[in-house]
Amino acid sequence: MRLLNKRVLLEFIEKETVNNGIIIPNSEKKKNTGKVLLIGEKVKAVSVGDTVKFHQNTGMKMTYQNKSCLLLAAEEEIIAIL
């Protein structure tokens, strides 16, 4: 698959965290961290493999190579590179 323009495909990063000895499962957390899988030809700020934070209610959920992913319409929907 080849993305056009400024689109970015992210794979959700799902980690269980421990808070004061209590394990918080992924289903109880908001999923807004991802790893960049593919980028469009006009993307300049991020690279494939970067771990990023993105706005919560953005993008389109999809499956790519049996992975749960998010397709962002533009790299501006990314908040930070971690």
PDB file of N, CA and C in Angstrom:
ATOM      1  N   MET A   1       0.854  -1.173   0.000  1.00  0.00           N
ATOM      2  CA  MET A   1       0.000   0.000   0.000  1.00  0.00           C
ATOM      3  C   MET A   1       0.893   1.227   0.000  1.00  0.00           C
ATOM      4  N   ARG A   2       0.511   2.228  -0.749  1.00  0.00           N
ATOM      5  CA  ARG A   2       1.239   3.492  -0.815  1.00  0.00           C
ATOM      6  C   ARG A   2       0.292   4.624  -0.444  1.00  0.00           C
ATOM      7  N   LEU A   3       0.656   5.417   0.547  1.00  0.00           N
ATOM      8  CA  LEU A   3      -0.188   6.526   0.981  1.00  0.00           C
ATOM      9  C   LEU A   3       0.122   7.771   0.166  1.00  0.00           C
ATOM     10  N   LEU A   4      -0.888   8.575  -0.052  1.00  0.00           N
ATOM     11  CA  LEU A   4      -0.738   9.804  -0.814  1.00  0.00           C
ATOM     12  C   LEU A   4      -0.690  11.014   0.111  1.00  0.00           C
ATOM     13  N   ASN A   5      -0.095  12.082  -0.384  1.00  0.00           N
ATOM     14  CA  ASN A   5      -0.041  13.383   0.281  1.00  0.00           C
ATOM     15  C   ASN A   5       0.512  13.299   1.698  1.00  0.00           C
ATOM     16  N   LYS A   6      -0.221  13.838   2.689  1.00  0.00           N
ATOM     17  CA  LYS A   6       0.280  13.918   4.059  1.00  0.00           C
ATOM     18  C   LYS A   6      -0.323  12.863   4.977  1.00  0.00           C
ATOM     19  N   ARG A   7      -0.845  11.798   4.408  1.00  0.00           N
ATOM     20  CA  ARG A   7      -1.471  10.763   5.235  1.00  0.00           C
ATOM     21  C   ARG A   7      -0.424   9.943   5.985  1.00  0.00           C
ATOM     22  N   VAL A   8      -0.828   9.453   7.168  1.00  0.00           N
ATOM     23  CA  VAL A   8       0.056   8.662   8.023  1.00  0.00           C
ATOM     24  C   VAL A   8      -0.722   7.462   8.546  1.00  0.00           C
ATOM     25  N   LEU A   9      -0.138   6.272   8.453  1.00  0.00           N
ATOM     26  CA  LEU A   9      -0.750   5.060   8.992  1.00  0.00           C
ATOM     27  C   LEU A   9       0.001   4.671  10.260  1.00  0.00           C
ATOM     28  N   LEU A  10      -0.751   4.542  11.356  1.00  0.00           N
ATOM     29  CA  LEU A  10      -0.173   4.208  12.662  1.00  0.00           C
ATOM     30  C   LEU A  10      -0.678   2.860  13.135  1.00  0.00           C
ATOM     31  N   GLU A  11       0.195   2.106  13.784  1.00  0.00           N
ATOM     32  CA  GLU A  11      -0.212   0.889  14.485  1.00  0.00           C
ATOM     33  C   GLU A  11      -0.393   1.255  15.950  1.00  0.00           C
ATOM     34  N   PHE A  12      -1.527   0.883  16.522  1.00  0.00           N
ATOM     35  CA  PHE A  12      -1.754   1.167  17.943  1.00  0.00           C
ATOM     36  C   PHE A  12      -0.708   0.459  18.789  1.00  0.00           C
ATOM     37  N   ILE A  13      -0.189   1.159  19.783  1.00  0.00           N
ATOM     38  CA  ILE A  13       0.714   0.550  20.758  1.00  0.00           C
ATOM     39  C   ILE A  13      -0.119   0.270  21.990  1.00  0.00           C
ATOM     40  N   GLU A  14      -0.199  -0.988  22.346  1.00  0.00           N
ATOM     41  CA  GLU A  14      -1.010  -1.393  23.481  1.00  0.00           C
ATOM     42  C   GLU A  14      -0.102  -1.923  24.577  1.00  0.00           C
ATOM     43  N   LYS A  15      -0.049  -1.191  25.665  1.00  0.00           N
ATOM     44  CA  LYS A  15       0.772  -1.601  26.798  1.00  0.00           C
ATOM     45  C   LYS A  15      -0.079  -1.603  28.049  1.00  0.00           C
ATOM     46  N   GLU A  16       0.133  -2.592  28.890  1.00  0.00           N
ATOM     47  CA  GLU A  16      -0.499  -2.578  30.202  1.00  0.00           C
ATOM     48  C   GLU A  16       0.398  -1.764  31.126  1.00  0.00           C
ATOM     49  N   THR A  17      -0.188  -0.922  31.918  1.00  0.00           N
ATOM     50  CA  THR A  17       0.593  -0.127  32.842  1.00  0.00           C
ATOM     51  C   THR A  17       0.247  -0.524  34.269  1.00  0.00           C
ATOM     52  N   VAL A  18       1.166  -0.254  35.152  1.00  0.00           N
ATOM     53  CA  VAL A  18       0.956  -0.557  36.555  1.00  0.00           C
ATOM     54  C   VAL A  18       0.875   0.764  37.308  1.00  0.00           C
ATOM     55  N   ASN A  19      -0.194   0.946  38.060  1.00  0.00           N
ATOM     56  CA  ASN A  19      -0.393   2.158  38.843  1.00  0.00           C
ATOM     57  C   ASN A  19      -0.571   1.747  40.301  1.00  0.00           C
ATOM     58  N   ASN A  20       0.419   2.001  41.128  1.00  0.00           N
ATOM     59  CA  ASN A  20       0.387   1.623  42.544  1.00  0.00           C
ATOM     60  C   ASN A  20       0.119   0.135  42.731  1.00  0.00           C
ATOM     61  N   GLY A  21       0.728  -0.688  41.876  1.00  0.00           N
ATOM     62  CA  GLY A  21       0.589  -2.126  41.998  1.00  0.00           C
ATOM     63  C   GLY A  21      -0.646  -2.700  41.309  1.00  0.00           C
ATOM     64  N   ILE A  22      -1.479  -1.837  40.742  1.00  0.00           N
ATOM     65  CA  ILE A  22      -2.688  -2.294  40.050  1.00  0.00           C
ATOM     66  C   ILE A  22      -2.433  -2.248  38.553  1.00  0.00           C
ATOM     67  N   ILE A  23      -2.636  -3.375  37.873  1.00  0.00           N
ATOM     68  CA  ILE A  23      -2.445  -3.422  36.420  1.00  0.00           C
ATOM     69  C   ILE A  23      -3.692  -2.862  35.751  1.00  0.00           C
ATOM     70  N   ILE A  24      -3.486  -1.854  34.904  1.00  0.00           N
ATOM     71  CA  ILE A  24      -4.589  -1.238  34.172  1.00  0.00           C
ATOM     72  C   ILE A  24      -4.607  -1.842  32.779  1.00  0.00           C
ATOM     73  N   PRO A  25      -5.623  -2.628  32.440  1.00  0.00           N
ATOM     74  CA  PRO A  25      -5.663  -3.248  31.115  1.00  0.00           C
ATOM     75  C   PRO A  25      -5.865  -2.221  30.016  1.00  0.00           C
ATOM     76  N   ASN A  26      -5.480  -2.604  28.808  1.00  0.00           N
ATOM     77  CA  ASN A  26      -5.564  -1.707  27.660  1.00  0.00           C
ATOM     78  C   ASN A  26      -6.973  -1.211  27.388  1.00  0.00           C
ATOM     79  N   SER A  27      -7.971  -2.024  27.639  1.00  0.00           N
ATOM     80  CA  SER A  27      -9.343  -1.637  27.346  1.00  0.00           C
ATOM     81  C   SER A  27      -9.818  -0.483  28.223  1.00  0.00           C
ATOM     82  N   GLU A  28      -9.155  -0.248  29.333  1.00  0.00           N
ATOM     83  CA  GLU A  28      -9.548   0.823  30.239  1.00  0.00           C
ATOM     84  C   GLU A  28      -8.813   2.132  29.958  1.00  0.00           C
ATOM     85  N   LYS A  29      -7.844   2.098  29.076  1.00  0.00           N
ATOM     86  CA  LYS A  29      -7.061   3.292  28.769  1.00  0.00           C
ATOM     87  C   LYS A  29      -7.453   3.819  27.401  1.00  0.00           C
ATOM     88  N   LYS A  30      -7.229   5.086  27.200  1.00  0.00           N
ATOM     89  CA  LYS A  30      -7.432   5.664  25.883  1.00  0.00           C
ATOM     90  C   LYS A  30      -6.223   5.320  25.031  1.00  0.00           C
ATOM     91  N   LYS A  31      -6.475   4.918  23.811  1.00  0.00           N
ATOM     92  CA  LYS A  31      -5.386   4.529  22.917  1.00  0.00           C
ATOM     93  C   LYS A  31      -5.035   5.713  22.032  1.00  0.00           C
ATOM     94  N   ASN A  32      -4.008   6.449  22.408  1.00  0.00           N
ATOM     95  CA  ASN A  32      -3.592   7.563  21.565  1.00  0.00           C
ATOM     96  C   ASN A  32      -2.077   7.589  21.358  1.00  0.00           C
ATOM     97  N   THR A  33      -1.471   6.414  21.400  1.00  0.00           N
ATOM     98  CA  THR A  33      -0.060   6.266  21.103  1.00  0.00           C
ATOM     99  C   THR A  33       0.077   5.236  19.991  1.00  0.00           C
ATOM    100  N   GLY A  34       0.931   5.534  19.032  1.00  0.00           N
ATOM    101  CA  GLY A  34       1.092   4.599  17.927  1.00  0.00           C
ATOM    102  C   GLY A  34       2.477   4.634  17.323  1.00  0.00           C
ATOM    103  N   LYS A  35       2.755   3.615  16.521  1.00  0.00           N
ATOM    104  CA  LYS A  35       4.019   3.511  15.801  1.00  0.00           C
ATOM    105  C   LYS A  35       3.721   3.754  14.323  1.00  0.00           C
ATOM    106  N   VAL A  36       4.511   4.600  13.692  1.00  0.00           N
ATOM    107  CA  VAL A  36       4.295   4.951  12.289  1.00  0.00           C
ATOM    108  C   VAL A  36       4.685   3.772  11.402  1.00  0.00           C
ATOM    109  N   LEU A  37       3.718   3.295  10.603  1.00  0.00           N
ATOM    110  CA  LEU A  37       3.966   2.181   9.683  1.00  0.00           C
ATOM    111  C   LEU A  37       4.230   2.657   8.263  1.00  0.00           C
ATOM    112  N   LEU A  38       3.423   3.608   7.802  1.00  0.00           N
ATOM    113  CA  LEU A  38       3.549   4.136   6.446  1.00  0.00           C
ATOM    114  C   LEU A  38       3.327   5.637   6.462  1.00  0.00           C
ATOM    115  N   ILE A  39       3.990   6.341   5.549  1.00  0.00           N
ATOM    116  CA  ILE A  39       3.778   7.781   5.429  1.00  0.00           C
ATOM    117  C   ILE A  39       3.572   8.139   3.964  1.00  0.00           C
ATOM    118  N   GLY A  40       2.828   9.222   3.746  1.00  0.00           N
ATOM    119  CA  GLY A  40       2.611   9.733   2.398  1.00  0.00           C
ATOM    120  C   GLY A  40       3.835  10.462   1.891  1.00  0.00           C
ATOM    121  N   GLU A  41       3.814  10.760   0.616  1.00  0.00           N
ATOM    122  CA  GLU A  41       4.973  11.366  -0.046  1.00  0.00           C
ATOM    123  C   GLU A  41       5.286  12.789   0.422  1.00  0.00           C
ATOM    124  N   LYS A  42       4.314  13.501   1.002  1.00  0.00           N
ATOM    125  CA  LYS A  42       4.542  14.883   1.430  1.00  0.00           C
ATOM    126  C   LYS A  42       4.763  15.029   2.933  1.00  0.00           C
ATOM    127  N   VAL A  43       4.854  13.928   3.647  1.00  0.00           N
ATOM    128  CA  VAL A  43       5.078  13.967   5.097  1.00  0.00           C
ATOM    129  C   VAL A  43       6.538  14.289   5.368  1.00  0.00           C
ATOM    130  N   LYS A  44       6.762  15.285   6.251  1.00  0.00           N
ATOM    131  CA  LYS A  44       8.129  15.707   6.550  1.00  0.00           C
ATOM    132  C   LYS A  44       8.491  15.577   8.023  1.00  0.00           C
ATOM    133  N   ALA A  45       7.510  15.636   8.917  1.00  0.00           N
ATOM    134  CA  ALA A  45       7.792  15.704  10.348  1.00  0.00           C
ATOM    135  C   ALA A  45       8.075  14.355  11.000  1.00  0.00           C
ATOM    136  N   VAL A  46       7.527  13.276  10.467  1.00  0.00           N
ATOM    137  CA  VAL A  46       7.719  11.961  11.077  1.00  0.00           C
ATOM    138  C   VAL A  46       8.297  10.989  10.066  1.00  0.00           C
ATOM    139  N   SER A  47       8.874   9.913  10.589  1.00  0.00           N
ATOM    140  CA  SER A  47       9.447   8.858   9.749  1.00  0.00           C
ATOM    141  C   SER A  47       8.849   7.514  10.139  1.00  0.00           C
ATOM    142  N   VAL A  48       8.946   6.556   9.249  1.00  0.00           N
ATOM    143  CA  VAL A  48       8.485   5.197   9.545  1.00  0.00           C
ATOM    144  C   VAL A  48       9.279   4.680  10.745  1.00  0.00           C
ATOM    145  N   GLY A  49       8.558   4.111  11.710  1.00  0.00           N
ATOM    146  CA  GLY A  49       9.203   3.586  12.912  1.00  0.00           C
ATOM    147  C   GLY A  49       9.104   4.514  14.115  1.00  0.00           C
ATOM    148  N   ASP A  50       8.766   5.788  13.901  1.00  0.00           N
ATOM    149  CA  ASP A  50       8.623   6.728  15.015  1.00  0.00           C
ATOM    150  C   ASP A  50       7.440   6.332  15.891  1.00  0.00           C
ATOM    151  N   THR A  51       7.560   6.584  17.194  1.00  0.00           N
ATOM    152  CA  THR A  51       6.453   6.412  18.128  1.00  0.00           C
ATOM    153  C   THR A  51       5.874   7.789  18.380  1.00  0.00           C
ATOM    154  N   VAL A  52       4.549   7.913  18.243  1.00  0.00           N
ATOM    155  CA  VAL A  52       3.914   9.230  18.306  1.00  0.00           C
ATOM    156  C   VAL A  52       2.673   9.219  19.185  1.00  0.00           C
ATOM    157  N   LYS A  53       2.290  10.408  19.655  1.00  0.00           N
ATOM    158  CA  LYS A  53       1.015  10.652  20.325  1.00  0.00           C
ATOM    159  C   LYS A  53       0.148  11.386  19.325  1.00  0.00           C
ATOM    160  N   PHE A  54      -1.148  11.051  19.288  1.00  0.00           N
ATOM    161  CA  PHE A  54      -2.049  11.707  18.355  1.00  0.00           C
ATOM    162  C   PHE A  54      -3.329  12.118  19.070  1.00  0.00           C
ATOM    163  N   HIS A  55      -4.084  13.038  18.456  1.00  0.00           N
ATOM    164  CA  HIS A  55      -5.348  13.492  19.027  1.00  0.00           C
ATOM    165  C   HIS A  55      -6.297  12.316  19.201  1.00  0.00           C
ATOM    166  N   GLN A  56      -7.090  12.333  20.269  1.00  0.00           N
ATOM    167  CA  GLN A  56      -7.916  11.190  20.612  1.00  0.00           C
ATOM    168  C   GLN A  56      -8.953  10.863  19.544  1.00  0.00           C
ATOM    169  N   ASN A  57      -9.854  11.652  19.210  1.00  0.00           N
ATOM    170  CA  ASN A  57     -10.930  11.267  18.291  1.00  0.00           C
ATOM    171  C   ASN A  57     -10.609  11.687  16.865  1.00  0.00           C
ATOM    172  N   THR A  58      -9.581  11.115  16.314  1.00  0.00           N
ATOM    173  CA  THR A  58      -9.148  11.472  14.970  1.00  0.00           C
ATOM    174  C   THR A  58      -8.866  10.222  14.150  1.00  0.00           C
ATOM    175  N   GLY A  59      -8.812  10.383  12.867  1.00  0.00           N
ATOM    176  CA  GLY A  59      -8.421   9.289  11.991  1.00  0.00           C
ATOM    177  C   GLY A  59      -9.508   8.256  11.745  1.00  0.00           C
ATOM    178  N   MET A  60      -9.149   7.264  10.936  1.00  0.00           N
ATOM    179  CA  MET A  60     -10.061   6.185  10.568  1.00  0.00           C
ATOM    180  C   MET A  60      -9.417   4.857  10.952  1.00  0.00           C
ATOM    181  N   LYS A  61     -10.112   4.063  11.750  1.00  0.00           N
ATOM    182  CA  LYS A  61      -9.578   2.763  12.159  1.00  0.00           C
ATOM    183  C   LYS A  61      -9.655   1.795  10.987  1.00  0.00           C
ATOM    184  N   MET A  62      -8.610   0.995  10.841  1.00  0.00           N
ATOM    185  CA  MET A  62      -8.576   0.004   9.768  1.00  0.00           C
ATOM    186  C   MET A  62      -7.616  -1.114  10.142  1.00  0.00           C
ATOM    187  N   THR A  63      -7.626  -2.177   9.370  1.00  0.00           N
ATOM    188  CA  THR A  63      -6.700  -3.283   9.566  1.00  0.00           C
ATOM    189  C   THR A  63      -5.716  -3.290   8.408  1.00  0.00           C
ATOM    190  N   TYR A  64      -4.432  -3.396   8.739  1.00  0.00           N
ATOM    191  CA  TYR A  64      -3.377  -3.457   7.739  1.00  0.00           C
ATOM    192  C   TYR A  64      -2.422  -4.561   8.157  1.00  0.00           C
ATOM    193  N   GLN A  65      -2.238  -5.549   7.326  1.00  0.00           N
ATOM    194  CA  GLN A  65      -1.388  -6.707   7.601  1.00  0.00           C
ATOM    195  C   GLN A  65      -1.724  -7.336   8.961  1.00  0.00           C
ATOM    196  N   ASN A  66      -3.008  -7.542   9.201  1.00  0.00           N
ATOM    197  CA  ASN A  66      -3.537  -8.144  10.431  1.00  0.00           C
ATOM    198  C   ASN A  66      -3.202  -7.351  11.688  1.00  0.00           C
ATOM    199  N   LYS A  67      -2.999  -6.046  11.556  1.00  0.00           N
ATOM    200  CA  LYS A  67      -2.722  -5.178  12.707  1.00  0.00           C
ATOM    201  C   LYS A  67      -3.818  -4.134  12.811  1.00  0.00           C
ATOM    202  N   SER A  68      -4.182  -3.785  14.038  1.00  0.00           N
ATOM    203  CA  SER A  68      -5.156  -2.729  14.275  1.00  0.00           C
ATOM    204  C   SER A  68      -4.454  -1.387  14.079  1.00  0.00           C
ATOM    205  N   CYS A  69      -4.924  -0.611  13.100  1.00  0.00           N
ATOM    206  CA  CYS A  69      -4.234   0.616  12.715  1.00  0.00           C
ATOM    207  C   CYS A  69      -5.176   1.809  12.675  1.00  0.00           C
ATOM    208  N   LEU A  70      -4.576   2.982  12.545  1.00  0.00           N
ATOM    209  CA  LEU A  70      -5.308   4.230  12.419  1.00  0.00           C
ATOM    210  C   LEU A  70      -4.720   5.004  11.253  1.00  0.00           C
ATOM    211  N   LEU A  71      -5.577   5.427  10.327  1.00  0.00           N
ATOM    212  CA  LEU A  71      -5.150   6.218   9.186  1.00  0.00           C
ATOM    213  C   LEU A  71      -5.469   7.671   9.460  1.00  0.00           C
ATOM    214  N   LEU A  72      -4.431   8.498   9.553  1.00  0.00           N
ATOM    215  CA  LEU A  72      -4.600   9.926   9.773  1.00  0.00           C
ATOM    216  C   LEU A  72      -4.622  10.640   8.430  1.00  0.00           C
ATOM    217  N   ALA A  73      -5.516  11.616   8.286  1.00  0.00           N
ATOM    218  CA  ALA A  73      -5.639  12.352   7.032  1.00  0.00           C
ATOM    219  C   ALA A  73      -4.454  13.288   6.808  1.00  0.00           C
ATOM    220  N   ALA A  74      -3.800  13.714   7.883  1.00  0.00           N
ATOM    221  CA  ALA A  74      -2.660  14.622   7.756  1.00  0.00           C
ATOM    222  C   ALA A  74      -1.741  14.466   8.962  1.00  0.00           C
ATOM    223  N   GLU A  75      -0.468  14.732   8.768  1.00  0.00           N
ATOM    224  CA  GLU A  75       0.491  14.612   9.861  1.00  0.00           C
ATOM    225  C   GLU A  75       0.231  15.622  10.966  1.00  0.00           C
ATOM    226  N   GLU A  76      -0.550  16.664  10.694  1.00  0.00           N
ATOM    227  CA  GLU A  76      -0.881  17.671  11.704  1.00  0.00           C
ATOM    228  C   GLU A  76      -1.737  17.092  12.828  1.00  0.00           C
ATOM    229  N   GLU A  77      -2.311  15.913  12.626  1.00  0.00           N
ATOM    230  CA  GLU A  77      -3.101  15.268  13.683  1.00  0.00           C
ATOM    231  C   GLU A  77      -2.202  14.598  14.725  1.00  0.00           C
ATOM    232  N   ILE A  78      -0.911  14.583  14.500  1.00  0.00           N
ATOM    233  CA  ILE A  78       0.053  14.048  15.455  1.00  0.00           C
ATOM    234  C   ILE A  78       0.454  15.152  16.409  1.00  0.00           C
ATOM    235  N   ILE A  79       0.394  14.853  17.720  1.00  0.00           N
ATOM    236  CA  ILE A  79       0.714  15.837  18.747  1.00  0.00           C
ATOM    237  C   ILE A  79       2.211  15.901  19.007  1.00  0.00           C
ATOM    238  N   ALA A  80       2.859  14.728  19.146  1.00  0.00           N
ATOM    239  CA  ALA A  80       4.270  14.699  19.525  1.00  0.00           C
ATOM    240  C   ALA A  80       4.927  13.418  19.063  1.00  0.00           C
ATOM    241  N   ILE A  81       6.229  13.512  18.838  1.00  0.00           N
ATOM    242  CA  ILE A  81       7.054  12.335  18.562  1.00  0.00           C
ATOM    243  C   ILE A  81       7.725  11.968  19.872  1.00  0.00           C
ATOM    244  N   LEU A  82       7.565  10.724  20.297  1.00  0.00           N
ATOM    245  CA  LEU A  82       8.121  10.299  21.600  1.00  0.00           C
ATOM    246  C   LEU A  82       9.530   9.759  21.450  1.00  0.00           C
TER     247      LEU A  82
END
